[in-house]
Amino acid sequence: MTLKIKVCGSCGEFVQGFFNGAPILITCPIEKFSTVEISEEFSGIEGLGEKSLLMLQKTLELFEIKNFDCGIKLTSELPRGKGMASSSADLAAVAKAVALFFGKNISAEEIAKLATSIEPTDGIFFSGVVAMNPVTGELLKKISLPEKFIVAIFDYGGEVDTLKFNKRSNFQIAALVNTLNFELVEKSALANQEILYKKNLREIMTFAKSLGAVTVNVAHSGTVTGIFFHNDDKNIDTKILEIARRFDFIKFLTKTKLIDGGIYEKI
């Protein structure tokens, strides 16, 4: 038997700050994935880092699985240290793959509890787009989107250790809306400038929106910024080139889609 589990990463967060005195983030899931494969056809452990190995151990303990004599392999499309939820995707994929391989059920809420026992976590493994507490893993609300956008991801360079860099601006969210508020997205990004500065962010926002972009977000504890365009925009590639030429200190990383978060499985 061979089983594969994919969990999407993120383009930073739509919003990060505090709600009712507790930390909150709103997920920004994208079409880039971490994949875990478990099989009886190969042996050994491949691609799992320290945190993923810890999640493997915690999941086996949760289900009282004594013998793990199959192979497990982790691969990822998500770069490390950029704020693209690579660790969260890894952890969730490991937990879900182990559970399913051994015929166990594990919910997104249970995965969140395990993951946050290891590190603050992005809830990209919850279905859709959600507001959640990244420290406790509590799901606060599911949030709808007016449409699924195309995302141009730009990188300021370098890496951020998100486990060590666990700071949040004092940005306060007054209420959780049912539909994503783009003004809130941009306010959150700008509030984060006092914590992790991104050069010319306000100017990038203004220029991108003059080209027809819907909104701009950031990785609040990472190096990327996302520029969101309507799906039917036929000139996105040209606009990406214009942005890259205008702000040559940021590097175009990839173009992808905003998707529903969650866990994707293939047996």
C-alpha atoms as a PDB file:
ATOM      1  CA  MET A   1       0.000   0.000   0.000  1.00  0.00           C
ATOM      2  CA  THR A   2       1.154   3.507  -0.853  1.00  0.00           C
ATOM      3  CA  LEU A   3      -0.538   6.684   0.309  1.00  0.00           C
ATOM      4  CA  LYS A   4       0.177  10.321  -0.566  1.00  0.00           C
ATOM      5  CA  ILE A   5      -1.052  13.387   1.287  1.00  0.00           C
ATOM      6  CA  LYS A   6      -0.670  16.976   0.057  1.00  0.00           C
ATOM      7  CA  VAL A   7      -1.162  20.085   2.163  1.00  0.00           C
ATOM      8  CA  CYS A   8      -0.999  23.535   0.615  1.00  0.00           C
ATOM      9  CA  GLY A   9       1.267  26.330   1.695  1.00  0.00           C
ATOM     10  CA  SER A  10       0.514  30.025   1.869  1.00  0.00           C
ATOM     11  CA  CYS A  11       1.493  33.437   0.617  1.00  0.00           C
ATOM     12  CA  GLY A  12       2.043  34.875   4.056  1.00  0.00           C
ATOM     13  CA  GLU A  13      -1.190  35.738   5.841  1.00  0.00           C
ATOM     14  CA  PHE A  14      -4.109  37.899   4.826  1.00  0.00           C
ATOM     15  CA  VAL A  15      -4.217  39.342   8.342  1.00  0.00           C
ATOM     16  CA  GLN A  16      -2.219  38.873  11.517  1.00  0.00           C
ATOM     17  CA  GLY A  17      -2.673  40.616  14.834  1.00  0.00           C
ATOM     18  CA  PHE A  18      -4.958  40.343  17.841  1.00  0.00           C
ATOM     19  CA  PHE A  19      -8.665  39.714  18.288  1.00  0.00           C
ATOM     20  CA  ASN A  20     -10.267  39.952  21.731  1.00  0.00           C
ATOM     21  CA  GLY A  21      -6.786  40.010  23.252  1.00  0.00           C
ATOM     22  CA  ALA A  22      -5.609  36.763  21.614  1.00  0.00           C
ATOM     23  CA  PRO A  23      -3.347  36.277  18.588  1.00  0.00           C
ATOM     24  CA  ILE A  24      -5.094  35.694  15.269  1.00  0.00           C
ATOM     25  CA  LEU A  25      -4.227  35.098  11.660  1.00  0.00           C
ATOM     26  CA  ILE A  26      -6.323  34.735   8.539  1.00  0.00           C
ATOM     27  CA  THR A  27      -4.946  32.094   6.216  1.00  0.00           C
ATOM     28  CA  CYS A  28      -3.913  32.670   2.610  1.00  0.00           C
ATOM     29  CA  PRO A  29      -3.709  29.203   1.016  1.00  0.00           C
ATOM     30  CA  ILE A  30      -2.057  28.837  -2.402  1.00  0.00           C
ATOM     31  CA  GLU A  31      -1.586  26.131  -5.014  1.00  0.00           C
ATOM     32  CA  LYS A  32       1.857  25.024  -3.805  1.00  0.00           C
ATOM     33  CA  PHE A  33       2.184  21.936  -1.650  1.00  0.00           C
ATOM     34  CA  SER A  34       4.121  19.806   0.802  1.00  0.00           C
ATOM     35  CA  THR A  35       3.642  16.111   0.031  1.00  0.00           C
ATOM     36  CA  VAL A  36       4.132  13.132   2.329  1.00  0.00           C
ATOM     37  CA  GLU A  37       4.248   9.621   0.923  1.00  0.00           C
ATOM     38  CA  ILE A  38       4.032   6.523   3.117  1.00  0.00           C
ATOM     39  CA  SER A  39       4.561   3.125   1.570  1.00  0.00           C
ATOM     40  CA  GLU A  40       5.286  -0.508   2.265  1.00  0.00           C
ATOM     41  CA  GLU A  41       7.263  -0.545  -0.983  1.00  0.00           C
ATOM     42  CA  PHE A  42      10.232   1.416   0.385  1.00  0.00           C
ATOM     43  CA  SER A  43      11.811   1.886   3.797  1.00  0.00           C
ATOM     44  CA  GLY A  44      13.482   4.612   5.775  1.00  0.00           C
ATOM     45  CA  ILE A  45      12.757   8.262   6.483  1.00  0.00           C
ATOM     46  CA  GLU A  46      13.494  10.826   3.798  1.00  0.00           C
ATOM     47  CA  GLY A  47      13.074  14.593   3.773  1.00  0.00           C
ATOM     48  CA  LEU A  48      11.682  15.011   7.292  1.00  0.00           C
ATOM     49  CA  GLY A  49      13.300  17.754   9.332  1.00  0.00           C
ATOM     50  CA  GLU A  50      13.444  18.028  13.099  1.00  0.00           C
ATOM     51  CA  LYS A  51       9.900  19.396  13.467  1.00  0.00           C
ATOM     52  CA  SER A  52       8.404  16.869  11.045  1.00  0.00           C
ATOM     53  CA  LEU A  53      10.100  14.021  12.882  1.00  0.00           C
ATOM     54  CA  LEU A  54       8.617  15.314  16.120  1.00  0.00           C
ATOM     55  CA  MET A  55       5.173  15.386  14.498  1.00  0.00           C
ATOM     56  CA  LEU A  56       5.684  11.806  13.329  1.00  0.00           C
ATOM     57  CA  GLN A  57       6.477  10.790  16.898  1.00  0.00           C
ATOM     58  CA  LYS A  58       3.508  12.691  18.349  1.00  0.00           C
ATOM     59  CA  THR A  59       1.081  11.190  15.838  1.00  0.00           C
ATOM     60  CA  LEU A  60       2.300   7.651  16.487  1.00  0.00           C
ATOM     61  CA  GLU A  61       1.935   8.243  20.222  1.00  0.00           C
ATOM     62  CA  LEU A  62      -1.545   9.717  19.802  1.00  0.00           C
ATOM     63  CA  PHE A  63      -2.797   6.555  18.122  1.00  0.00           C
ATOM     64  CA  GLU A  64      -0.618   4.229  20.210  1.00  0.00           C
ATOM     65  CA  ILE A  65       1.113   2.878  17.108  1.00  0.00           C
ATOM     66  CA  LYS A  66       4.125   0.891  18.281  1.00  0.00           C
ATOM     67  CA  ASN A  67       5.571  -0.356  15.028  1.00  0.00           C
ATOM     68  CA  PHE A  68       6.338   1.990  12.142  1.00  0.00           C
ATOM     69  CA  ASP A  69       8.176  -0.268   9.723  1.00  0.00           C
ATOM     70  CA  CYS A  70       7.149   1.382   6.453  1.00  0.00           C
ATOM     71  CA  GLY A  71       8.892   4.148   4.530  1.00  0.00           C
ATOM     72  CA  ILE A  72       8.004   7.827   4.724  1.00  0.00           C
ATOM     73  CA  LYS A  73       9.132  10.569   2.356  1.00  0.00           C
ATOM     74  CA  LEU A  74       8.479  14.326   2.464  1.00  0.00           C
ATOM     75  CA  THR A  75       8.912  16.668  -0.497  1.00  0.00           C
ATOM     76  CA  SER A  76       7.845  20.284  -0.822  1.00  0.00           C
ATOM     77  CA  GLU A  77       7.312  23.021  -3.389  1.00  0.00           C
ATOM     78  CA  LEU A  78       7.508  25.602  -0.604  1.00  0.00           C
ATOM     79  CA  PRO A  79      10.767  27.469   0.044  1.00  0.00           C
ATOM     80  CA  ARG A  80      11.915  27.652   3.656  1.00  0.00           C
ATOM     81  CA  GLY A  81      12.152  30.801   5.728  1.00  0.00           C
ATOM     82  CA  LYS A  82       9.949  32.876   3.408  1.00  0.00           C
ATOM     83  CA  GLY A  83       6.718  32.876   5.410  1.00  0.00           C
ATOM     84  CA  MET A  84       4.942  30.458   3.072  1.00  0.00           C
ATOM     85  CA  ALA A  85       3.800  28.023   5.793  1.00  0.00           C
ATOM     86  CA  SER A  86       6.269  25.338   4.737  1.00  0.00           C
ATOM     87  CA  SER A  87       6.593  23.939   8.257  1.00  0.00           C
ATOM     88  CA  SER A  88       2.846  24.005   8.910  1.00  0.00           C
ATOM     89  CA  ALA A  89       2.192  22.181   5.641  1.00  0.00           C
ATOM     90  CA  ASP A  90       4.876  19.611   6.463  1.00  0.00           C
ATOM     91  CA  LEU A  91       3.495  18.957   9.945  1.00  0.00           C
ATOM     92  CA  ALA A  92      -0.097  18.608   8.785  1.00  0.00           C
ATOM     93  CA  ALA A  93       0.839  16.302   5.903  1.00  0.00           C
ATOM     94  CA  VAL A  94       2.848  14.028   8.207  1.00  0.00           C
ATOM     95  CA  ALA A  95       0.050  13.775  10.763  1.00  0.00           C
ATOM     96  CA  LYS A  96      -2.691  13.103   8.220  1.00  0.00           C
ATOM     97  CA  ALA A  97      -0.622  10.617   6.237  1.00  0.00           C
ATOM     98  CA  VAL A  98       0.309   8.574   9.311  1.00  0.00           C
ATOM     99  CA  ALA A  99      -3.268   8.569  10.584  1.00  0.00           C
ATOM    100  CA  LEU A 100      -4.776   7.452   7.283  1.00  0.00           C
ATOM    101  CA  PHE A 101      -2.104   4.860   6.595  1.00  0.00           C
ATOM    102  CA  PHE A 102      -2.971   3.136   9.855  1.00  0.00           C
ATOM    103  CA  GLY A 103      -6.725   3.503   9.362  1.00  0.00           C
ATOM    104  CA  LYS A 104      -7.199   6.270  11.906  1.00  0.00           C
ATOM    105  CA  ASN A 105      -9.235   9.463  11.703  1.00  0.00           C
ATOM    106  CA  ILE A 106      -7.646  12.790  12.556  1.00  0.00           C
ATOM    107  CA  SER A 107      -9.419  16.122  12.182  1.00  0.00           C
ATOM    108  CA  ALA A 108      -7.954  19.475  11.242  1.00  0.00           C
ATOM    109  CA  GLU A 109      -8.630  20.580  14.819  1.00  0.00           C
ATOM    110  CA  GLU A 110      -6.595  17.652  16.166  1.00  0.00           C
ATOM    111  CA  ILE A 111      -3.789  18.389  13.717  1.00  0.00           C
ATOM    112  CA  ALA A 112      -3.806  22.022  14.872  1.00  0.00           C
ATOM    113  CA  LYS A 113      -3.473  20.929  18.487  1.00  0.00           C
ATOM    114  CA  LEU A 114      -0.489  18.701  17.671  1.00  0.00           C
ATOM    115  CA  ALA A 115       1.169  21.283  15.426  1.00  0.00           C
ATOM    116  CA  THR A 116       0.863  24.147  17.908  1.00  0.00           C
ATOM    117  CA  SER A 117       2.479  21.955  20.556  1.00  0.00           C
ATOM    118  CA  ILE A 118       5.572  22.135  18.321  1.00  0.00           C
ATOM    119  CA  GLU A 119       5.448  25.729  17.065  1.00  0.00           C
ATOM    120  CA  PRO A 120       3.024  28.574  16.229  1.00  0.00           C
ATOM    121  CA  THR A 121       1.113  27.287  13.252  1.00  0.00           C
ATOM    122  CA  ASP A 122      -0.618  28.510  10.102  1.00  0.00           C
ATOM    123  CA  GLY A 123      -4.017  26.863   9.670  1.00  0.00           C
ATOM    124  CA  ILE A 124      -3.735  26.204   5.927  1.00  0.00           C
ATOM    125  CA  PHE A 125      -4.865  22.611   6.573  1.00  0.00           C
ATOM    126  CA  PHE A 126      -8.345  23.858   7.564  1.00  0.00           C
ATOM    127  CA  SER A 127     -10.710  23.858   4.596  1.00  0.00           C
ATOM    128  CA  GLY A 128     -11.278  27.179   2.851  1.00  0.00           C
ATOM    129  CA  VAL A 129      -9.913  30.409   4.303  1.00  0.00           C
ATOM    130  CA  VAL A 130     -10.096  30.702   8.081  1.00  0.00           C
ATOM    131  CA  ALA A 131      -9.359  32.919  11.032  1.00  0.00           C
ATOM    132  CA  MET A 132      -7.476  30.955  13.677  1.00  0.00           C
ATOM    133  CA  ASN A 133      -5.300  31.334  16.740  1.00  0.00           C
ATOM    134  CA  PRO A 134      -1.777  30.374  15.613  1.00  0.00           C
ATOM    135  CA  VAL A 135      -0.618  29.664  19.171  1.00  0.00           C
ATOM    136  CA  THR A 136      -3.457  27.428  20.383  1.00  0.00           C
ATOM    137  CA  GLY A 137      -4.704  26.193  17.001  1.00  0.00           C
ATOM    138  CA  GLU A 138      -8.288  27.221  17.782  1.00  0.00           C
ATOM    139  CA  LEU A 139     -10.466  27.716  14.708  1.00  0.00           C
ATOM    140  CA  LEU A 140     -12.300  31.019  15.098  1.00  0.00           C
ATOM    141  CA  LYS A 141     -14.231  31.473  11.872  1.00  0.00           C
ATOM    142  CA  LYS A 142     -14.432  30.422   8.245  1.00  0.00           C
ATOM    143  CA  ILE A 143     -14.204  33.373   5.895  1.00  0.00           C
ATOM    144  CA  SER A 144     -15.513  33.535   2.353  1.00  0.00           C
ATOM    145  CA  LEU A 145     -13.785  35.130  -0.620  1.00  0.00           C
ATOM    146  CA  PRO A 146     -15.464  37.072  -3.414  1.00  0.00           C
ATOM    147  CA  GLU A 147     -13.424  34.988  -5.881  1.00  0.00           C
ATOM    148  CA  LYS A 148     -10.252  32.915  -6.153  1.00  0.00           C
ATOM    149  CA  PHE A 149      -7.458  35.211  -7.269  1.00  0.00           C
ATOM    150  CA  ILE A 150      -4.193  34.841  -9.122  1.00  0.00           C
ATOM    151  CA  VAL A 151      -1.278  35.658  -6.808  1.00  0.00           C
ATOM    152  CA  ALA A 152       2.055  37.075  -7.926  1.00  0.00           C
ATOM    153  CA  ILE A 153       4.530  36.398  -5.130  1.00  0.00           C
ATOM    154  CA  PHE A 154       7.575  38.629  -4.767  1.00  0.00           C
ATOM    155  CA  ASP A 155      10.471  38.015  -2.390  1.00  0.00           C
ATOM    156  CA  TYR A 156      12.533  40.559  -0.479  1.00  0.00           C
ATOM    157  CA  GLY A 157      15.310  38.000  -0.053  1.00  0.00           C
ATOM    158  CA  GLY A 158      16.942  36.248   2.864  1.00  0.00           C
ATOM    159  CA  GLU A 159      15.245  33.984   5.353  1.00  0.00           C
ATOM    160  CA  VAL A 160      13.370  34.429   8.614  1.00  0.00           C
ATOM    161  CA  ASP A 161      13.363  31.815  11.366  1.00  0.00           C
ATOM    162  CA  THR A 162       9.644  31.867  12.063  1.00  0.00           C
ATOM    163  CA  LEU A 163      10.026  29.872  15.285  1.00  0.00           C
ATOM    164  CA  LYS A 164      12.428  32.455  16.718  1.00  0.00           C
ATOM    165  CA  PHE A 165      10.696  35.369  15.025  1.00  0.00           C
ATOM    166  CA  ASN A 166       7.357  34.993  16.766  1.00  0.00           C
ATOM    167  CA  LYS A 167       6.452  38.661  17.092  1.00  0.00           C
ATOM    168  CA  ARG A 168       3.192  40.392  16.242  1.00  0.00           C
ATOM    169  CA  SER A 169       2.346  44.017  15.800  1.00  0.00           C
ATOM    170  CA  ASN A 170      -0.308  45.463  18.066  1.00  0.00           C
ATOM    171  CA  PHE A 171      -2.736  45.477  15.152  1.00  0.00           C
ATOM    172  CA  GLN A 172      -6.200  44.996  16.618  1.00  0.00           C
ATOM    173  CA  ILE A 173      -9.054  43.399  14.701  1.00  0.00           C
ATOM    174  CA  ALA A 174     -12.369  44.791  15.890  1.00  0.00           C
ATOM    175  CA  ALA A 175     -14.595  42.153  14.314  1.00  0.00           C
ATOM    176  CA  LEU A 176     -14.352  39.013  12.216  1.00  0.00           C
ATOM    177  CA  VAL A 177     -16.111  39.608   8.919  1.00  0.00           C
ATOM    178  CA  ASN A 178     -17.854  36.931   6.870  1.00  0.00           C
ATOM    179  CA  THR A 179     -16.125  37.985   3.644  1.00  0.00           C
ATOM    180  CA  LEU A 180     -12.481  38.997   3.374  1.00  0.00           C
ATOM    181  CA  ASN A 181     -11.957  42.735   3.718  1.00  0.00           C
ATOM    182  CA  PHE A 182      -9.122  43.969   1.488  1.00  0.00           C
ATOM    183  CA  GLU A 183      -8.720  47.211   3.415  1.00  0.00           C
ATOM    184  CA  LEU A 184      -8.091  45.082   6.505  1.00  0.00           C
ATOM    185  CA  VAL A 185      -5.489  43.042   4.596  1.00  0.00           C
ATOM    186  CA  GLU A 186      -3.524  46.153   3.690  1.00  0.00           C
ATOM    187  CA  LYS A 187      -3.829  47.711   7.145  1.00  0.00           C
ATOM    188  CA  SER A 188      -2.439  44.522   8.668  1.00  0.00           C
ATOM    189  CA  ALA A 189       0.490  44.502   6.255  1.00  0.00           C
ATOM    190  CA  LEU A 190       1.345  48.131   6.965  1.00  0.00           C
ATOM    191  CA  ALA A 191       0.984  47.682  10.734  1.00  0.00           C
ATOM    192  CA  ASN A 192       3.559  44.905  10.524  1.00  0.00           C
ATOM    193  CA  GLN A 193       6.172  47.339   9.182  1.00  0.00           C
ATOM    194  CA  GLU A 194       7.160  48.168  12.772  1.00  0.00           C
ATOM    195  CA  ILE A 195       7.969  44.483  13.348  1.00  0.00           C
ATOM    196  CA  LEU A 196       9.437  43.310  10.031  1.00  0.00           C
ATOM    197  CA  TYR A 197      10.014  46.192   7.636  1.00  0.00           C
ATOM    198  CA  LYS A 198       9.530  45.705   3.907  1.00  0.00           C
ATOM    199  CA  LYS A 199      11.028  48.415   1.755  1.00  0.00           C
ATOM    200  CA  ASN A 200       8.581  50.665  -0.143  1.00  0.00           C
ATOM    201  CA  LEU A 201       5.606  48.491   0.761  1.00  0.00           C
ATOM    202  CA  ARG A 202       3.098  51.340   0.598  1.00  0.00           C
ATOM    203  CA  GLU A 203       4.485  52.421  -2.780  1.00  0.00           C
ATOM    204  CA  ILE A 204       4.257  48.849  -4.079  1.00  0.00           C
ATOM    205  CA  MET A 205       0.632  48.697  -2.947  1.00  0.00           C
ATOM    206  CA  THR A 206      -0.217  51.976  -4.696  1.00  0.00           C
ATOM    207  CA  PHE A 207       1.509  51.027  -7.947  1.00  0.00           C
ATOM    208  CA  ALA A 208       0.104  47.488  -8.047  1.00  0.00           C
ATOM    209  CA  LYS A 209      -3.431  48.754  -7.491  1.00  0.00           C
ATOM    210  CA  SER A 210      -2.956  51.336 -10.239  1.00  0.00           C
ATOM    211  CA  LEU A 211      -2.334  48.348 -12.535  1.00  0.00           C
ATOM    212  CA  GLY A 212      -5.584  46.724 -11.453  1.00  0.00           C
ATOM    213  CA  ALA A 213      -4.401  44.584  -8.543  1.00  0.00           C
ATOM    214  CA  VAL A 214      -7.084  43.789  -5.974  1.00  0.00           C
ATOM    215  CA  THR A 215      -4.925  43.909  -2.860  1.00  0.00           C
ATOM    216  CA  VAL A 216      -1.417  43.302  -1.508  1.00  0.00           C
ATOM    217  CA  ASN A 217      -0.491  41.217   1.525  1.00  0.00           C
ATOM    218  CA  VAL A 218       2.707  40.184   3.290  1.00  0.00           C
ATOM    219  CA  ALA A 219       4.237  37.328   5.191  1.00  0.00           C
ATOM    220  CA  HIS A 220       4.150  38.916   8.623  1.00  0.00           C
ATOM    221  CA  SER A 221       7.082  36.793   9.789  1.00  0.00           C
ATOM    222  CA  GLY A 222       8.625  36.119   6.389  1.00  0.00           C
ATOM    223  CA  THR A 223      10.165  37.724   3.327  1.00  0.00           C
ATOM    224  CA  VAL A 224       7.408  37.567   0.704  1.00  0.00           C
ATOM    225  CA  THR A 225       4.627  39.851  -0.416  1.00  0.00           C
ATOM    226  CA  GLY A 226       1.657  38.808  -2.525  1.00  0.00           C
ATOM    227  CA  ILE A 227      -0.068  40.860  -5.214  1.00  0.00           C
ATOM    228  CA  PHE A 228      -3.567  39.640  -6.038  1.00  0.00           C
ATOM    229  CA  PHE A 229      -5.196  39.935  -9.458  1.00  0.00           C
ATOM    230  CA  HIS A 230      -8.602  38.963 -10.811  1.00  0.00           C
ATOM    231  CA  ASN A 231      -8.703  35.605 -12.590  1.00  0.00           C
ATOM    232  CA  ASP A 232      -9.907  37.181 -15.818  1.00  0.00           C
ATOM    233  CA  ASP A 233      -7.071  39.709 -15.996  1.00  0.00           C
ATOM    234  CA  LYS A 234      -5.367  38.924 -19.318  1.00  0.00           C
ATOM    235  CA  ASN A 235      -2.311  41.101 -18.691  1.00  0.00           C
ATOM    236  CA  ILE A 236      -1.003  39.738 -15.413  1.00  0.00           C
ATOM    237  CA  ASP A 237       2.374  38.671 -16.827  1.00  0.00           C
ATOM    238  CA  THR A 238       2.976  42.136 -18.273  1.00  0.00           C
ATOM    239  CA  LYS A 239       1.980  43.738 -14.988  1.00  0.00           C
ATOM    240  CA  ILE A 240       4.355  41.473 -13.073  1.00  0.00           C
ATOM    241  CA  LEU A 241       7.193  42.641 -15.325  1.00  0.00           C
ATOM    242  CA  GLU A 242       6.233  46.275 -14.720  1.00  0.00           C
ATOM    243  CA  ILE A 243       6.271  45.763 -10.960  1.00  0.00           C
ATOM    244  CA  ALA A 244       9.611  43.935 -11.116  1.00  0.00           C
ATOM    245  CA  ARG A 245      11.165  46.725 -13.180  1.00  0.00           C
ATOM    246  CA  ARG A 246       9.769  49.487 -10.979  1.00  0.00           C
ATOM    247  CA  PHE A 247      10.894  47.825  -7.727  1.00  0.00           C
ATOM    248  CA  ASP A 248      14.070  46.001  -8.690  1.00  0.00           C
ATOM    249  CA  PHE A 249      15.002  45.193  -5.084  1.00  0.00           C
ATOM    250  CA  ILE A 250      12.278  42.523  -4.910  1.00  0.00           C
ATOM    251  CA  LYS A 251      12.489  39.301  -6.899  1.00  0.00           C
ATOM    252  CA  PHE A 252       9.509  37.733  -8.631  1.00  0.00           C
ATOM    253  CA  LEU A 253       9.211  34.287  -7.094  1.00  0.00           C
ATOM    254  CA  THR A 254       6.177  32.621  -8.663  1.00  0.00           C
ATOM    255  CA  LYS A 255       2.675  33.069  -9.990  1.00  0.00           C
ATOM    256  CA  THR A 256       0.076  30.814  -8.433  1.00  0.00           C
ATOM    257  CA  LYS A 257      -3.583  30.585  -7.443  1.00  0.00           C
ATOM    258  CA  LEU A 258      -5.408  31.295  -4.238  1.00  0.00           C
ATOM    259  CA  ILE A 259      -7.173  28.031  -3.393  1.00  0.00           C
ATOM    260  CA  ASP A 260      -9.204  26.465  -0.636  1.00  0.00           C
ATOM    261  CA  GLY A 261      -7.001  25.361   2.215  1.00  0.00           C
ATOM    262  CA  GLY A 262      -7.200  21.791   3.372  1.00  0.00           C
ATOM    263  CA  ILE A 263      -5.722  18.323   2.994  1.00  0.00           C
ATOM    264  CA  TYR A 264      -5.577  16.579  -0.340  1.00  0.00           C
ATOM    265  CA  GLU A 265      -5.176  12.826  -0.377  1.00  0.00           C
ATOM    266  CA  LYS A 266      -4.381  10.190  -2.967  1.00  0.00           C
ATOM    267  CA  ILE A 267      -4.288   6.481  -2.143  1.00  0.00           C
END
